[in-house]
N, C-alpha and C. Protein backbone atom coordinates (compact mmCIF):
# COMPACT_ATOMS: atom_id res chain seq x y z
N MET A 1 -0.18 6.25 15.20
CA MET A 1 1.00 5.46 14.70
C MET A 1 1.99 6.47 14.10
N THR A 2 3.43 6.09 14.44
CA THR A 2 4.45 6.97 13.97
C THR A 2 4.90 6.60 12.56
N ALA A 3 5.51 7.49 11.78
CA ALA A 3 5.96 7.23 10.51
C ALA A 3 7.07 6.25 10.73
N THR A 4 7.09 5.09 9.81
CA THR A 4 8.14 4.17 9.92
C THR A 4 9.09 4.27 8.71
N VAL A 5 8.73 5.05 7.72
CA VAL A 5 9.54 5.26 6.56
C VAL A 5 9.79 6.71 6.65
N PRO A 6 11.16 7.15 6.51
CA PRO A 6 11.36 8.63 6.53
C PRO A 6 10.67 9.33 5.47
N LYS A 7 10.06 10.64 5.73
CA LYS A 7 9.34 11.32 4.82
C LYS A 7 10.12 11.70 3.56
N SER A 8 11.35 11.87 3.57
CA SER A 8 12.11 12.09 2.46
C SER A 8 12.12 10.95 1.52
N ILE A 9 12.32 9.85 1.99
CA ILE A 9 12.25 8.57 1.04
C ILE A 9 10.94 8.36 0.54
N ALA A 10 9.87 8.51 1.37
CA ALA A 10 8.48 8.45 0.92
C ALA A 10 8.22 9.45 -0.19
N GLU A 11 8.54 10.71 0.03
CA GLU A 11 8.39 11.72 -0.98
C GLU A 11 9.10 11.46 -2.23
N ALA A 12 10.23 10.96 -2.21
CA ALA A 12 10.93 10.79 -3.41
C ALA A 12 10.25 9.60 -4.33
N ALA A 13 9.73 8.64 -3.63
CA ALA A 13 9.06 7.58 -4.38
C ALA A 13 7.68 8.17 -4.81
N ALA A 14 7.09 8.92 -4.12
CA ALA A 14 5.71 9.48 -4.49
C ALA A 14 5.91 10.39 -5.73
N GLN A 15 6.95 11.17 -5.77
CA GLN A 15 7.13 12.06 -6.87
C GLN A 15 7.52 11.17 -8.16
N TYR A 16 8.14 10.15 -7.98
CA TYR A 16 8.43 9.24 -9.23
C TYR A 16 7.18 8.60 -9.65
N LEU A 17 6.36 8.13 -8.74
CA LEU A 17 5.13 7.40 -9.07
C LEU A 17 4.02 8.48 -9.68
N ARG A 18 4.00 9.71 -9.33
CA ARG A 18 3.19 10.64 -9.85
C ARG A 18 3.58 10.94 -11.33
N LEU A 19 4.83 11.05 -11.62
CA LEU A 19 5.15 11.39 -13.00
C LEU A 19 4.79 10.20 -13.85
N LEU A 20 4.99 9.00 -13.34
CA LEU A 20 4.70 7.73 -14.13
C LEU A 20 3.14 7.61 -14.25
N ALA A 21 2.56 7.85 -13.31
CA ALA A 21 0.91 7.79 -13.37
C ALA A 21 0.31 8.86 -14.30
N GLU A 22 0.94 9.95 -14.34
CA GLU A 22 0.25 10.94 -15.33
C GLU A 22 0.05 10.50 -16.75
N VAL A 23 0.94 9.70 -17.19
CA VAL A 23 0.87 9.10 -18.47
C VAL A 23 -0.10 7.87 -18.44
N GLU A 24 -0.03 6.97 -17.48
CA GLU A 24 -0.90 5.93 -17.41
C GLU A 24 -2.27 6.12 -17.14
N LEU A 25 -2.60 7.11 -16.16
CA LEU A 25 -3.89 7.36 -15.91
C LEU A 25 -4.66 7.97 -16.99
N SER A 26 -3.94 8.77 -17.93
CA SER A 26 -4.63 9.26 -19.18
C SER A 26 -5.31 8.15 -19.99
N LYS A 27 -4.91 6.89 -19.88
CA LYS A 27 -5.52 5.84 -20.58
C LYS A 27 -6.86 5.30 -20.18
N TYR A 28 -7.22 5.62 -18.93
CA TYR A 28 -8.36 5.14 -18.33
C TYR A 28 -9.43 6.18 -18.02
N VAL A 29 -10.77 5.83 -18.05
CA VAL A 29 -11.80 6.63 -17.70
C VAL A 29 -12.21 6.25 -16.24
N ASP A 30 -12.06 4.99 -15.81
CA ASP A 30 -12.62 4.51 -14.53
C ASP A 30 -11.63 3.47 -13.98
N VAL A 31 -10.81 3.93 -12.95
CA VAL A 31 -9.85 2.99 -12.45
C VAL A 31 -9.75 3.20 -10.93
N SER A 32 -9.82 2.11 -10.14
CA SER A 32 -9.76 2.31 -8.78
C SER A 32 -8.37 2.46 -8.25
N MET A 33 -7.46 1.79 -8.80
CA MET A 33 -6.03 1.96 -8.36
C MET A 33 -5.18 1.58 -9.63
N LEU A 34 -4.14 2.31 -9.84
CA LEU A 34 -3.17 2.02 -10.84
C LEU A 34 -2.03 1.51 -10.27
N LEU A 35 -1.82 0.14 -10.61
CA LEU A 35 -0.54 -0.55 -10.05
C LEU A 35 0.61 -0.31 -11.02
N LEU A 36 1.72 0.09 -10.51
CA LEU A 36 2.93 0.49 -11.21
C LEU A 36 4.14 -0.39 -10.99
N SER A 37 5.07 -0.40 -11.69
CA SER A 37 6.33 -1.02 -11.60
C SER A 37 7.08 -0.84 -10.28
N ALA A 38 7.59 -1.80 -9.58
CA ALA A 38 8.25 -1.76 -8.33
C ALA A 38 9.80 -1.69 -8.54
N GLU A 39 10.16 -1.75 -9.83
CA GLU A 39 11.63 -1.91 -10.22
C GLU A 39 12.21 -0.54 -10.44
N HIS A 40 12.27 0.24 -9.38
CA HIS A 40 12.94 1.62 -9.40
C HIS A 40 13.67 1.77 -8.05
N PRO A 41 14.73 2.41 -8.06
CA PRO A 41 15.59 2.64 -6.70
C PRO A 41 14.72 3.36 -5.75
N ARG A 42 13.94 4.33 -6.18
CA ARG A 42 13.17 5.03 -5.16
C ARG A 42 11.99 4.18 -4.40
N ILE A 43 11.47 3.19 -5.07
CA ILE A 43 10.53 2.15 -4.54
C ILE A 43 11.42 1.21 -3.67
N ARG A 44 12.54 0.73 -4.12
CA ARG A 44 13.24 -0.14 -3.42
C ARG A 44 13.80 0.49 -2.09
N ALA A 45 14.10 1.80 -2.03
CA ALA A 45 14.47 2.51 -0.93
C ALA A 45 13.47 2.48 0.20
N VAL A 46 12.15 2.61 -0.25
CA VAL A 46 11.02 2.58 0.83
C VAL A 46 10.86 1.21 1.28
N ILE A 47 10.99 0.21 0.51
CA ILE A 47 10.92 -1.20 1.04
C ILE A 47 12.04 -1.53 2.01
N GLU A 48 13.26 -1.08 1.65
CA GLU A 48 14.40 -1.40 2.49
C GLU A 48 14.26 -0.53 3.91
N SER A 49 13.83 0.68 3.77
CA SER A 49 13.69 1.47 4.84
C SER A 49 12.61 0.79 5.85
N TRP A 50 11.48 0.39 5.20
CA TRP A 50 10.43 -0.33 6.18
C TRP A 50 10.97 -1.53 6.74
N PHE A 51 11.77 -2.41 6.06
CA PHE A 51 12.12 -3.61 6.70
C PHE A 51 13.32 -3.33 7.63
N GLU A 52 14.02 -2.25 7.64
CA GLU A 52 15.00 -1.84 8.64
C GLU A 52 14.55 -1.76 10.01
N ASN A 53 13.30 -1.33 10.17
CA ASN A 53 12.59 -1.09 11.40
C ASN A 53 12.10 -2.27 12.06
N PRO A 54 12.74 -2.95 12.97
CA PRO A 54 12.29 -4.30 13.52
C PRO A 54 10.90 -4.23 14.12
N ASP A 55 10.31 -3.07 14.56
CA ASP A 55 8.98 -2.94 15.09
C ASP A 55 8.01 -3.24 14.03
N ASN A 56 8.28 -2.79 12.71
CA ASN A 56 7.31 -3.14 11.71
C ASN A 56 7.17 -4.63 11.49
N ILE A 57 8.23 -5.33 11.56
CA ILE A 57 8.36 -6.87 11.33
C ILE A 57 7.48 -7.40 12.51
N THR A 58 7.84 -6.95 13.69
CA THR A 58 7.20 -7.58 14.81
C THR A 58 5.57 -7.39 14.74
N GLN A 59 5.15 -6.11 14.45
CA GLN A 59 3.81 -5.88 14.47
C GLN A 59 3.08 -6.68 13.34
N VAL A 60 3.75 -6.74 12.13
CA VAL A 60 3.08 -7.37 11.19
C VAL A 60 2.96 -8.95 11.36
N GLU A 61 4.06 -9.49 12.01
CA GLU A 61 3.97 -10.95 12.36
C GLU A 61 3.00 -11.25 13.38
N GLU A 62 2.79 -10.28 14.25
CA GLU A 62 1.72 -10.49 15.39
C GLU A 62 0.28 -10.64 14.62
N LYS A 63 0.15 -9.80 13.55
CA LYS A 63 -1.17 -9.79 12.91
C LYS A 63 -1.41 -11.01 11.96
N ILE A 64 -0.30 -11.36 11.22
CA ILE A 64 -0.40 -12.56 10.21
C ILE A 64 0.12 -13.72 10.78
N GLY A 65 0.88 -13.80 11.88
CA GLY A 65 1.53 -15.12 12.30
C GLY A 65 2.91 -15.16 11.90
N LYS A 66 3.62 -15.57 12.79
CA LYS A 66 5.19 -15.75 12.53
C LYS A 66 5.43 -17.09 11.94
N SER A 67 6.25 -17.11 10.93
CA SER A 67 6.55 -18.45 10.19
C SER A 67 7.83 -19.06 11.09
N SER A 68 7.69 -20.32 11.18
CA SER A 68 8.90 -21.04 11.68
C SER A 68 9.96 -21.28 10.84
N THR A 69 9.85 -21.17 9.49
CA THR A 69 10.79 -21.41 8.53
C THR A 69 11.07 -20.26 7.53
N LYS A 70 10.21 -19.23 7.57
CA LYS A 70 10.61 -18.24 6.64
C LYS A 70 10.53 -16.86 7.37
N THR A 71 11.40 -15.92 6.88
CA THR A 71 11.37 -14.53 7.38
C THR A 71 10.18 -13.86 6.75
N LEU A 72 9.80 -12.67 7.35
CA LEU A 72 8.65 -11.92 6.79
C LEU A 72 9.08 -11.59 5.32
N ARG A 73 10.41 -11.12 5.06
CA ARG A 73 10.82 -10.73 3.84
C ARG A 73 10.66 -11.90 2.77
N ASP A 74 10.97 -13.04 3.28
CA ASP A 74 10.68 -14.29 2.25
C ASP A 74 9.28 -14.51 2.03
N ARG A 75 8.36 -14.07 2.92
CA ARG A 75 7.05 -14.32 2.72
C ARG A 75 6.36 -13.18 1.82
N MET A 76 7.24 -12.09 1.52
CA MET A 76 6.71 -11.16 0.60
C MET A 76 6.61 -11.64 -0.83
N ASN A 77 5.47 -11.62 -1.50
CA ASN A 77 5.39 -12.09 -2.77
C ASN A 77 4.88 -11.26 -3.87
N ASN A 78 4.72 -9.96 -3.53
CA ASN A 78 4.10 -9.00 -4.56
C ASN A 78 4.56 -7.63 -3.84
N ILE A 79 4.91 -6.67 -4.86
CA ILE A 79 5.19 -5.37 -4.38
C ILE A 79 4.40 -4.47 -5.45
N SER A 80 3.48 -3.70 -4.94
CA SER A 80 2.59 -2.85 -5.93
C SER A 80 2.58 -1.50 -5.58
N PRO A 81 3.35 -0.70 -6.23
CA PRO A 81 3.12 0.88 -6.02
C PRO A 81 1.77 1.24 -6.69
N ILE A 82 1.04 2.00 -5.96
CA ILE A 82 -0.33 2.39 -6.45
C ILE A 82 -0.46 3.88 -6.50
N VAL A 83 -1.33 4.42 -7.36
CA VAL A 83 -1.88 5.66 -7.29
C VAL A 83 -3.36 5.39 -7.38
N TYR A 84 -4.10 5.92 -6.37
CA TYR A 84 -5.48 5.80 -6.37
C TYR A 84 -6.08 6.74 -7.51
N GLY A 85 -6.71 5.95 -8.45
CA GLY A 85 -7.26 6.63 -9.71
C GLY A 85 -8.55 7.23 -9.63
N ARG A 86 -8.94 7.75 -10.73
CA ARG A 86 -10.27 8.35 -10.85
C ARG A 86 -11.28 7.25 -10.88
N LEU A 87 -12.37 7.54 -10.17
CA LEU A 87 -13.45 6.59 -10.06
C LEU A 87 -14.76 7.42 -10.47
N THR A 88 -15.41 6.81 -11.40
CA THR A 88 -16.86 7.31 -11.76
C THR A 88 -17.88 6.75 -10.99
N ARG A 89 -17.61 5.70 -10.19
CA ARG A 89 -18.51 5.12 -9.21
C ARG A 89 -17.85 4.95 -7.89
N VAL A 90 -18.83 4.78 -6.90
CA VAL A 90 -18.51 4.63 -5.56
C VAL A 90 -18.94 3.25 -5.12
N GLY A 91 -18.16 2.57 -4.39
CA GLY A 91 -18.68 1.27 -3.88
C GLY A 91 -17.38 0.23 -3.65
N ALA A 92 -17.88 -0.92 -3.30
CA ALA A 92 -16.89 -1.96 -3.01
C ALA A 92 -16.24 -2.61 -4.33
N ILE A 93 -14.97 -2.95 -4.09
CA ILE A 93 -14.36 -3.85 -5.17
C ILE A 93 -14.13 -5.09 -4.49
N LYS A 94 -13.90 -6.15 -5.27
CA LYS A 94 -13.83 -7.57 -4.56
C LYS A 94 -12.39 -7.55 -3.86
N PRO A 95 -12.20 -8.50 -3.00
CA PRO A 95 -11.04 -8.64 -2.25
C PRO A 95 -9.84 -8.56 -3.29
N PRO A 96 -8.79 -7.71 -3.11
CA PRO A 96 -7.75 -7.54 -4.07
C PRO A 96 -6.62 -8.63 -4.03
N PHE A 97 -6.30 -9.17 -2.76
CA PHE A 97 -5.29 -10.25 -2.66
C PHE A 97 -5.85 -11.32 -1.78
N PRO A 98 -6.71 -12.20 -2.34
CA PRO A 98 -7.36 -13.26 -1.52
C PRO A 98 -6.14 -14.12 -0.95
N GLY A 99 -6.31 -14.76 0.22
CA GLY A 99 -5.40 -15.47 0.98
C GLY A 99 -4.09 -14.86 1.22
N LYS A 100 -3.99 -13.60 1.15
CA LYS A 100 -2.68 -12.80 1.46
C LYS A 100 -2.94 -11.66 2.55
N HIS A 101 -1.97 -11.15 3.04
CA HIS A 101 -1.95 -10.01 3.94
C HIS A 101 -1.28 -8.86 3.18
N VAL A 102 -1.74 -7.65 3.49
CA VAL A 102 -1.18 -6.42 2.66
C VAL A 102 -0.79 -5.37 3.68
N VAL A 103 0.48 -4.99 3.53
CA VAL A 103 0.92 -3.71 4.23
C VAL A 103 0.86 -2.51 3.24
N LEU A 104 0.13 -1.57 3.66
CA LEU A 104 -0.04 -0.44 2.80
C LEU A 104 0.76 0.81 3.37
N ILE A 105 1.72 1.20 2.75
CA ILE A 105 2.61 2.33 3.28
C ILE A 105 2.21 3.56 2.41
N ALA A 106 1.89 4.69 3.17
CA ALA A 106 1.54 5.80 2.60
C ALA A 106 2.73 6.54 2.12
N LEU A 107 2.86 6.86 0.98
CA LEU A 107 3.91 7.61 0.28
C LEU A 107 3.67 9.17 0.43
N GLU A 108 2.44 9.53 0.68
CA GLU A 108 2.05 10.79 1.00
C GLU A 108 0.88 10.71 1.93
N ASP A 109 0.44 11.77 2.65
CA ASP A 109 -0.63 11.67 3.45
C ASP A 109 -1.93 11.15 2.81
N LEU A 110 -2.55 10.16 3.30
CA LEU A 110 -3.71 9.52 2.67
C LEU A 110 -4.87 9.70 3.56
N HIS A 111 -6.06 9.88 2.94
CA HIS A 111 -7.27 10.09 3.67
C HIS A 111 -8.53 9.89 2.74
N GLU A 112 -9.73 10.13 3.10
CA GLU A 112 -10.85 9.91 2.43
C GLU A 112 -11.00 10.76 1.20
N ASN A 113 -10.30 11.95 1.08
CA ASN A 113 -10.36 12.74 -0.03
C ASN A 113 -9.26 12.59 -1.11
N ASN A 114 -8.54 11.53 -0.81
CA ASN A 114 -7.56 11.15 -2.06
C ASN A 114 -7.42 9.78 -2.17
N GLY A 115 -8.35 9.03 -1.88
CA GLY A 115 -8.44 7.59 -2.46
C GLY A 115 -8.30 6.61 -1.33
N LEU A 116 -7.89 6.83 -0.03
CA LEU A 116 -7.78 5.79 0.92
C LEU A 116 -9.03 5.07 1.09
N PRO A 117 -9.07 3.68 0.64
CA PRO A 117 -10.35 2.95 0.84
C PRO A 117 -10.70 2.65 2.24
N ILE A 118 -11.87 2.09 2.38
CA ILE A 118 -12.41 1.74 3.57
C ILE A 118 -12.40 0.11 3.63
N TRP A 119 -11.93 -0.40 4.72
CA TRP A 119 -12.05 -1.93 4.95
C TRP A 119 -12.08 -2.05 6.53
N LYS A 120 -12.34 -3.22 6.84
CA LYS A 120 -12.50 -3.49 8.32
C LYS A 120 -11.20 -3.09 9.01
N GLU A 121 -11.43 -2.34 10.22
CA GLU A 121 -10.15 -1.92 11.05
C GLU A 121 -9.45 -0.86 10.22
N CYS A 122 -9.96 -0.19 9.29
CA CYS A 122 -9.30 0.80 8.42
C CYS A 122 -9.11 2.22 9.20
N PRO A 123 -7.96 2.70 9.11
CA PRO A 123 -7.78 4.00 9.75
C PRO A 123 -8.42 5.05 8.80
N THR A 124 -8.79 6.22 9.30
CA THR A 124 -9.38 7.20 8.57
C THR A 124 -8.45 8.05 7.81
N LYS A 125 -7.16 8.06 8.27
CA LYS A 125 -6.01 8.64 7.53
C LYS A 125 -4.72 8.05 7.93
N LEU A 126 -3.76 8.11 7.11
CA LEU A 126 -2.37 7.68 7.21
C LEU A 126 -1.43 8.85 6.89
N SER A 127 -0.52 9.17 7.71
CA SER A 127 0.35 10.30 7.44
C SER A 127 1.42 9.62 6.53
N GLN A 128 2.28 10.58 5.75
CA GLN A 128 3.31 10.05 5.09
C GLN A 128 4.23 9.27 5.73
N GLY A 129 4.50 8.17 5.25
CA GLY A 129 5.46 7.24 5.86
C GLY A 129 4.85 6.18 6.75
N GLU A 130 3.60 6.33 7.25
CA GLU A 130 2.99 5.39 8.01
C GLU A 130 2.39 4.16 7.20
N TYR A 131 2.22 3.15 7.94
CA TYR A 131 1.61 1.93 7.34
C TYR A 131 0.36 1.32 8.17
N VAL A 132 -0.28 0.44 7.48
CA VAL A 132 -1.38 -0.28 7.97
C VAL A 132 -1.38 -1.70 7.36
N CYS A 133 -1.55 -2.72 8.24
CA CYS A 133 -1.67 -4.18 7.66
C CYS A 133 -3.15 -4.57 7.71
N PHE A 134 -3.54 -5.13 6.60
CA PHE A 134 -4.90 -5.66 6.66
C PHE A 134 -5.04 -6.96 5.71
N SER A 135 -5.97 -7.68 5.90
CA SER A 135 -6.17 -8.97 5.15
C SER A 135 -6.64 -8.67 3.65
N GLY A 136 -5.99 -9.38 2.67
CA GLY A 136 -6.28 -9.21 1.36
C GLY A 136 -7.57 -9.90 0.94
N ASP A 137 -8.16 -10.58 2.00
CA ASP A 137 -9.44 -11.19 1.75
C ASP A 137 -10.74 -10.30 2.01
N GLU A 138 -10.44 -8.98 2.47
CA GLU A 138 -11.40 -8.03 2.75
C GLU A 138 -11.75 -7.09 1.46
N ALA A 139 -12.92 -6.95 1.22
CA ALA A 139 -13.49 -6.10 0.15
C ALA A 139 -13.16 -4.86 0.56
N GLN A 140 -12.85 -3.86 -0.39
CA GLN A 140 -12.51 -2.46 -0.09
C GLN A 140 -13.57 -1.60 -0.75
N LEU A 141 -13.88 -0.67 0.08
CA LEU A 141 -15.00 0.41 -0.29
C LEU A 141 -14.34 1.64 -0.80
N PHE A 142 -14.60 2.19 -1.97
CA PHE A 142 -13.93 3.38 -2.47
C PHE A 142 -14.95 4.49 -2.56
N ARG A 143 -14.56 5.65 -2.18
CA ARG A 143 -15.58 6.87 -1.98
C ARG A 143 -15.50 7.62 -3.13
N GLY A 144 -14.97 7.34 -4.20
CA GLY A 144 -14.99 8.14 -5.50
C GLY A 144 -14.01 9.28 -5.49
N LYS A 145 -13.04 9.20 -4.58
CA LYS A 145 -11.99 10.27 -4.55
C LYS A 145 -10.67 9.69 -5.00
N SER A 146 -9.67 10.38 -5.48
CA SER A 146 -8.61 9.84 -6.04
C SER A 146 -7.37 10.70 -5.78
N GLY A 147 -6.21 10.08 -6.14
CA GLY A 147 -4.93 10.88 -6.24
C GLY A 147 -3.93 10.54 -5.24
N GLY A 148 -4.26 9.72 -4.19
CA GLY A 148 -3.19 9.27 -3.17
C GLY A 148 -2.25 8.32 -3.69
N VAL A 149 -1.02 8.37 -3.16
CA VAL A 149 0.13 7.47 -3.67
C VAL A 149 0.55 6.60 -2.42
N ALA A 150 0.69 5.41 -2.66
CA ALA A 150 0.98 4.39 -1.72
C ALA A 150 1.84 3.22 -2.21
N LEU A 151 2.35 2.43 -1.43
CA LEU A 151 3.01 1.26 -1.69
C LEU A 151 2.38 -0.03 -1.01
N LEU A 152 2.07 -1.06 -1.78
CA LEU A 152 1.49 -2.23 -1.12
C LEU A 152 2.70 -3.33 -1.21
N LEU A 153 2.85 -3.96 0.06
CA LEU A 153 3.68 -5.13 0.12
C LEU A 153 2.64 -6.23 0.60
N VAL A 154 2.78 -7.24 -0.33
CA VAL A 154 1.81 -8.43 -0.15
C VAL A 154 2.51 -9.71 0.32
N PHE A 155 1.90 -10.23 1.48
CA PHE A 155 2.64 -11.32 2.17
C PHE A 155 1.73 -12.51 2.07
N SER A 156 2.36 -13.65 1.95
CA SER A 156 1.61 -14.96 2.18
C SER A 156 1.21 -15.09 3.57
N MET A 157 0.19 -15.94 3.76
CA MET A 157 -0.31 -16.15 5.17
C MET A 157 0.25 -17.46 5.71
N GLU A 158 0.78 -18.33 4.99
CA GLU A 158 1.18 -19.64 5.52
C GLU A 158 2.38 -19.39 6.51
N THR A 159 2.41 -20.18 7.43
CA THR A 159 3.37 -19.93 8.56
C THR A 159 4.45 -21.12 8.47
């Protein structure tokens, strides 16, 4: 898969989230992922860049179904910047977004050593700017690694 968000835009967002996460992660001993605010220009730039690529929209609509009344952007109902946090346990967490589909955009290279979870049809790594779409009904398995930075776009499944 090729990067669909320019690396410079992904990197700017990752730097912002890392600074924010340093303070927030210090509050927790065990956290699988830290969800942060999406209301920042660097986060919005990633979203706009992703939507500007028509191939992204086509590929996601092929996976989740195309709506006859709503655009893909209209079906987006949650934006979650995340930093995969420290885990003292390894294992599955319950499905994070039941009844939804999720686009995970790698804001930096993601792999098994920095928190990329495992789910059905999961890639083993994502390069900065790449994305993957998966069902929010799927449980995710965490390997006990942390540190990766990503952006989740959550879409309704209704068509």
